[in-house]
Amino acid sequence: MEHTQPEPQDKRWKQWLKRVGIGGLIFFTVKGFVWLAIFYFGADMLEGCASK
């Protein structure tokens, strides 16, 4: 039985990026911005409803 060294964090990150690709990176970035906008404008709308 051979002992394997744990992979460095940098190598795992590069491996993940190659697997997901640039399309996945763009998709998850845009998805994150959409959720931020939903929370921001959703809270703003709820605040507006409460003051009426």
Protein backbone atom coordinates (compact mmCIF):
# COMPACT_ATOMS: atom_id res chain seq x y z
CA MET A 1 0.00 0.00 0.00
CA GLU A 2 1.55 3.25 -1.00
CA HIS A 3 1.14 6.54 0.80
CA THR A 4 0.05 9.48 -1.28
CA GLN A 5 0.75 13.05 -0.36
CA PRO A 6 -2.24 15.38 -0.23
CA GLU A 7 -2.42 17.60 -3.29
CA PRO A 8 -1.53 21.24 -2.81
CA GLN A 9 -4.48 23.64 -2.74
CA ASP A 10 -3.24 25.42 -5.88
CA LYS A 11 -3.23 22.20 -7.90
CA ARG A 12 -6.76 21.29 -6.81
CA TRP A 13 -7.99 24.78 -7.81
CA LYS A 14 -6.44 24.50 -11.27
CA GLN A 15 -7.88 21.01 -11.70
CA TRP A 16 -11.37 22.27 -10.78
CA LEU A 17 -11.06 25.23 -13.16
CA LYS A 18 -10.05 22.96 -16.03
CA ARG A 19 -12.98 20.66 -15.32
CA VAL A 20 -15.59 23.42 -15.09
CA GLY A 21 -14.08 25.61 -17.76
CA ILE A 22 -14.45 29.28 -18.51
CA GLY A 23 -18.16 28.87 -19.26
CA GLY A 24 -18.82 27.53 -15.78
CA LEU A 25 -16.79 30.30 -14.21
CA ILE A 26 -18.78 32.96 -16.07
CA PHE A 27 -22.08 31.20 -15.27
CA PHE A 28 -21.45 31.05 -11.52
CA THR A 29 -20.17 34.64 -11.44
CA VAL A 30 -23.28 35.94 -13.20
CA LYS A 31 -25.50 33.76 -11.00
CA GLY A 32 -23.90 35.29 -7.91
CA PHE A 33 -24.49 38.83 -9.17
CA VAL A 34 -28.12 37.99 -9.96
CA TRP A 35 -28.69 36.72 -6.41
CA LEU A 36 -27.06 39.85 -4.97
CA ALA A 37 -29.39 42.01 -7.05
CA ILE A 38 -32.41 39.95 -5.98
CA PHE A 39 -31.56 40.38 -2.30
CA TYR A 40 -30.76 44.08 -2.67
CA PHE A 41 -33.85 45.06 -4.65
CA GLY A 42 -36.07 42.58 -2.78
CA ALA A 43 -35.12 44.14 0.56
CA ASP A 44 -35.65 47.60 -0.92
CA MET A 45 -39.15 46.64 -2.11
CA LEU A 46 -40.04 45.11 1.26
CA GLU A 47 -38.83 48.23 3.03
CA GLY A 48 -41.02 50.32 0.73
CA CYS A 49 -44.07 48.15 1.49
CA ALA A 50 -43.54 48.45 5.25
CA SER A 51 -43.52 52.26 5.22
CA LYS A 52 -46.95 52.51 3.52
